[in-house]
Amino acid sequence: MLYPLTPTGKFTIERLRLNRSPLIRNRLKRSQRAKELALLQRYSELVALLENMNGQMSLLMDEQQTLLKEQRDLLRLLLRRK
């Protein structure tokens, strides 16, 4: 529903019958669609962020494996000296 803010607005809404049921339904439908598109866009952004984080975690895991191997090698070397 459209609500007037001024007497001129009230006259315009009444004269043009801007609160007819089909117009109200159409405005509600467009508003709902805009909300859905905004949610889909946000969802898409979140998926991209998760993919990015997953890639970073994968790189960190690879680096951690490399560090663990280096530590193992260092421990072996130190144990051989004894």
N, C-alpha and C. Protein backbone atom coordinates (compact mmCIF):
# COMPACT_ATOMS: atom_id res chain seq x y z
N MET A 1 0.85 -1.18 0.00
CA MET A 1 0.00 0.00 0.00
C MET A 1 0.89 1.24 0.00
N LEU A 2 0.42 2.22 -0.72
CA LEU A 2 1.08 3.52 -0.69
C LEU A 2 0.34 4.41 0.29
N TYR A 3 1.10 5.14 1.10
CA TYR A 3 0.51 6.04 2.08
C TYR A 3 0.95 7.46 1.76
N PRO A 4 0.02 8.38 1.71
CA PRO A 4 0.37 9.76 1.35
C PRO A 4 1.09 10.47 2.49
N LEU A 5 1.98 11.35 2.10
CA LEU A 5 2.67 12.19 3.07
C LEU A 5 2.11 13.61 3.08
N THR A 6 1.46 13.96 1.99
CA THR A 6 0.90 15.32 1.86
C THR A 6 -0.51 15.22 1.29
N PRO A 7 -1.26 16.29 1.38
CA PRO A 7 -2.59 16.30 0.74
C PRO A 7 -2.50 16.05 -0.77
N THR A 8 -1.47 16.57 -1.40
CA THR A 8 -1.29 16.35 -2.83
C THR A 8 -1.04 14.87 -3.11
N GLY A 9 -0.23 14.25 -2.24
CA GLY A 9 0.02 12.83 -2.40
C GLY A 9 -1.25 12.01 -2.22
N LYS A 10 -2.07 12.40 -1.26
CA LYS A 10 -3.35 11.70 -1.04
C LYS A 10 -4.22 11.81 -2.27
N PHE A 11 -4.31 13.01 -2.83
CA PHE A 11 -5.11 13.23 -4.02
C PHE A 11 -4.58 12.37 -5.18
N THR A 12 -3.27 12.35 -5.37
CA THR A 12 -2.66 11.60 -6.47
C THR A 12 -2.94 10.10 -6.32
N ILE A 13 -2.74 9.57 -5.11
CA ILE A 13 -2.98 8.13 -4.88
C ILE A 13 -4.43 7.78 -5.16
N GLU A 14 -5.34 8.62 -4.68
CA GLU A 14 -6.76 8.34 -4.90
C GLU A 14 -7.15 8.51 -6.36
N ARG A 15 -6.67 9.58 -6.98
CA ARG A 15 -7.05 9.89 -8.37
C ARG A 15 -6.54 8.80 -9.33
N LEU A 16 -5.30 8.37 -9.13
CA LEU A 16 -4.72 7.36 -10.02
C LEU A 16 -5.00 5.94 -9.55
N ARG A 17 -5.69 5.83 -8.43
CA ARG A 17 -6.03 4.53 -7.85
C ARG A 17 -4.78 3.63 -7.75
N LEU A 18 -3.78 4.18 -7.09
CA LEU A 18 -2.50 3.48 -6.99
C LEU A 18 -2.51 2.34 -5.96
N ASN A 19 -3.58 2.23 -5.19
CA ASN A 19 -3.67 1.15 -4.21
C ASN A 19 -4.64 0.06 -4.64
N ARG A 20 -4.80 -0.09 -5.97
CA ARG A 20 -5.61 -1.21 -6.48
C ARG A 20 -4.92 -2.52 -6.16
N SER A 21 -5.71 -3.55 -5.93
CA SER A 21 -5.16 -4.86 -5.55
C SER A 21 -4.09 -5.38 -6.51
N PRO A 22 -4.31 -5.33 -7.83
CA PRO A 22 -3.26 -5.83 -8.73
C PRO A 22 -1.94 -5.05 -8.61
N LEU A 23 -2.06 -3.74 -8.41
CA LEU A 23 -0.84 -2.93 -8.26
C LEU A 23 -0.11 -3.27 -6.96
N ILE A 24 -0.88 -3.45 -5.90
CA ILE A 24 -0.28 -3.81 -4.62
C ILE A 24 0.42 -5.16 -4.74
N ARG A 25 -0.25 -6.14 -5.34
CA ARG A 25 0.36 -7.47 -5.52
C ARG A 25 1.64 -7.39 -6.35
N ASN A 26 1.58 -6.59 -7.40
CA ASN A 26 2.76 -6.43 -8.26
C ASN A 26 3.92 -5.81 -7.48
N ARG A 27 3.63 -4.77 -6.70
CA ARG A 27 4.70 -4.14 -5.91
C ARG A 27 5.26 -5.11 -4.88
N LEU A 28 4.38 -5.89 -4.24
CA LEU A 28 4.85 -6.87 -3.26
C LEU A 28 5.70 -7.95 -3.93
N LYS A 29 5.27 -8.39 -5.09
CA LYS A 29 6.01 -9.41 -5.83
C LYS A 29 7.40 -8.89 -6.23
N ARG A 30 7.46 -7.66 -6.72
CA ARG A 30 8.75 -7.07 -7.11
C ARG A 30 9.65 -6.89 -5.90
N SER A 31 9.06 -6.47 -4.79
CA SER A 31 9.84 -6.30 -3.57
C SER A 31 10.40 -7.64 -3.09
N GLN A 32 9.56 -8.66 -3.12
CA GLN A 32 10.00 -10.00 -2.71
C GLN A 32 11.10 -10.50 -3.62
N ARG A 33 10.96 -10.29 -4.91
CA ARG A 33 11.98 -10.72 -5.87
C ARG A 33 13.30 -10.00 -5.63
N ALA A 34 13.23 -8.71 -5.33
CA ALA A 34 14.45 -7.95 -5.04
C ALA A 34 15.14 -8.51 -3.79
N LYS A 35 14.37 -8.87 -2.77
CA LYS A 35 14.94 -9.46 -1.56
C LYS A 35 15.58 -10.80 -1.88
N GLU A 36 14.91 -11.61 -2.69
CA GLU A 36 15.46 -12.91 -3.07
C GLU A 36 16.78 -12.76 -3.82
N LEU A 37 16.82 -11.81 -4.75
CA LEU A 37 18.05 -11.58 -5.51
C LEU A 37 19.18 -11.11 -4.60
N ALA A 38 18.86 -10.26 -3.64
CA ALA A 38 19.88 -9.80 -2.70
C ALA A 38 20.40 -10.97 -1.87
N LEU A 39 19.50 -11.85 -1.43
CA LEU A 39 19.93 -13.03 -0.67
C LEU A 39 20.79 -13.96 -1.52
N LEU A 40 20.41 -14.16 -2.77
CA LEU A 40 21.20 -15.00 -3.66
C LEU A 40 22.59 -14.41 -3.90
N GLN A 41 22.65 -13.09 -4.04
CA GLN A 41 23.93 -12.42 -4.23
C GLN A 41 24.80 -12.61 -2.99
N ARG A 42 24.20 -12.44 -1.82
CA ARG A 42 24.95 -12.61 -0.56
C ARG A 42 25.43 -14.06 -0.42
N TYR A 43 24.56 -15.00 -0.77
CA TYR A 43 24.92 -16.41 -0.72
C TYR A 43 26.10 -16.69 -1.66
N SER A 44 26.05 -16.12 -2.84
CA SER A 44 27.14 -16.29 -3.81
C SER A 44 28.45 -15.73 -3.25
N GLU A 45 28.38 -14.57 -2.61
CA GLU A 45 29.58 -13.98 -2.00
C GLU A 45 30.12 -14.87 -0.89
N LEU A 46 29.22 -15.43 -0.08
CA LEU A 46 29.66 -16.30 1.00
C LEU A 46 30.31 -17.58 0.47
N VAL A 47 29.76 -18.12 -0.59
CA VAL A 47 30.35 -19.32 -1.20
C VAL A 47 31.75 -19.00 -1.71
N ALA A 48 31.92 -17.84 -2.34
CA ALA A 48 33.24 -17.45 -2.83
C ALA A 48 34.22 -17.29 -1.67
N LEU A 49 33.76 -16.69 -0.57
CA LEU A 49 34.63 -16.55 0.59
C LEU A 49 35.03 -17.91 1.18
N LEU A 50 34.07 -18.82 1.24
CA LEU A 50 34.37 -20.15 1.75
C LEU A 50 35.35 -20.89 0.85
N GLU A 51 35.19 -20.74 -0.45
CA GLU A 51 36.14 -21.36 -1.38
C GLU A 51 37.54 -20.79 -1.18
N ASN A 52 37.61 -19.49 -0.98
CA ASN A 52 38.90 -18.83 -0.75
C ASN A 52 39.52 -19.35 0.55
N MET A 53 38.72 -19.42 1.61
CA MET A 53 39.21 -19.93 2.89
C MET A 53 39.66 -21.38 2.77
N ASN A 54 38.92 -22.17 2.02
CA ASN A 54 39.29 -23.56 1.81
C ASN A 54 40.63 -23.66 1.11
N GLY A 55 40.85 -22.82 0.12
CA GLY A 55 42.14 -22.80 -0.58
C GLY A 55 43.27 -22.41 0.35
N GLN A 56 43.03 -21.42 1.20
CA GLN A 56 44.05 -20.99 2.15
C GLN A 56 44.34 -22.09 3.16
N MET A 57 43.30 -22.77 3.63
CA MET A 57 43.50 -23.86 4.58
C MET A 57 44.30 -24.99 3.93
N SER A 58 44.04 -25.25 2.67
CA SER A 58 44.78 -26.29 1.97
C SER A 58 46.26 -25.93 1.89
N LEU A 59 46.55 -24.65 1.58
CA LEU A 59 47.94 -24.21 1.54
C LEU A 59 48.60 -24.32 2.91
N LEU A 60 47.86 -23.96 3.95
CA LEU A 60 48.40 -24.07 5.31
C LEU A 60 48.67 -25.52 5.69
N MET A 61 47.78 -26.41 5.29
CA MET A 61 47.99 -27.83 5.57
C MET A 61 49.24 -28.34 4.86
N ASP A 62 49.44 -27.93 3.62
CA ASP A 62 50.64 -28.33 2.87
C ASP A 62 51.89 -27.82 3.58
N GLU A 63 51.82 -26.56 4.02
CA GLU A 63 52.97 -25.97 4.72
C GLU A 63 53.22 -26.70 6.04
N GLN A 64 52.15 -27.04 6.74
CA GLN A 64 52.29 -27.77 7.99
C GLN A 64 52.93 -29.14 7.75
N GLN A 65 52.53 -29.82 6.70
CA GLN A 65 53.12 -31.13 6.37
C GLN A 65 54.62 -30.98 6.09
N THR A 66 54.98 -29.93 5.38
CA THR A 66 56.39 -29.68 5.08
C THR A 66 57.16 -29.43 6.37
N LEU A 67 56.60 -28.62 7.26
CA LEU A 67 57.27 -28.35 8.53
C LEU A 67 57.41 -29.60 9.38
N LEU A 68 56.38 -30.43 9.41
CA LEU A 68 56.45 -31.68 10.17
C LEU A 68 57.54 -32.60 9.61
N LYS A 69 57.65 -32.66 8.30
CA LYS A 69 58.70 -33.48 7.69
C LYS A 69 60.07 -32.95 8.06
N GLU A 70 60.24 -31.63 8.03
CA GLU A 70 61.52 -31.03 8.41
C GLU A 70 61.84 -31.33 9.87
N GLN A 71 60.84 -31.27 10.73
CA GLN A 71 61.06 -31.55 12.14
C GLN A 71 61.43 -33.02 12.35
N ARG A 72 60.77 -33.91 11.64
CA ARG A 72 61.10 -35.33 11.73
C ARG A 72 62.55 -35.57 11.30
N ASP A 73 62.91 -34.96 10.18
CA ASP A 73 64.29 -35.12 9.68
C ASP A 73 65.30 -34.58 10.70
N LEU A 74 64.97 -33.44 11.30
CA LEU A 74 65.86 -32.84 12.29
C LEU A 74 65.97 -33.73 13.52
N LEU A 75 64.86 -34.29 13.98
CA LEU A 75 64.88 -35.21 15.12
C LEU A 75 65.72 -36.44 14.82
N ARG A 76 65.58 -36.98 13.65
CA ARG A 76 66.38 -38.16 13.26
C ARG A 76 67.87 -37.82 13.29
N LEU A 77 68.20 -36.66 12.76
CA LEU A 77 69.59 -36.22 12.75
C LEU A 77 70.12 -36.06 14.17
N LEU A 78 69.34 -35.43 15.04
CA LEU A 78 69.77 -35.23 16.42
C LEU A 78 69.90 -36.56 17.17
N LEU A 79 68.99 -37.50 16.90
CA LEU A 79 69.05 -38.80 17.57
C LEU A 79 70.25 -39.62 17.09
N ARG A 80 70.67 -39.44 15.90
CA ARG A 80 71.83 -40.17 15.37
C ARG A 80 73.12 -39.68 16.05
N ARG A 81 73.17 -38.42 16.41
CA ARG A 81 74.37 -37.85 17.02
C ARG A 81 74.62 -38.45 18.41
N LYS A 82 73.57 -38.87 19.07
CA LYS A 82 73.72 -39.42 20.41
C LYS A 82 74.21 -40.79 20.30
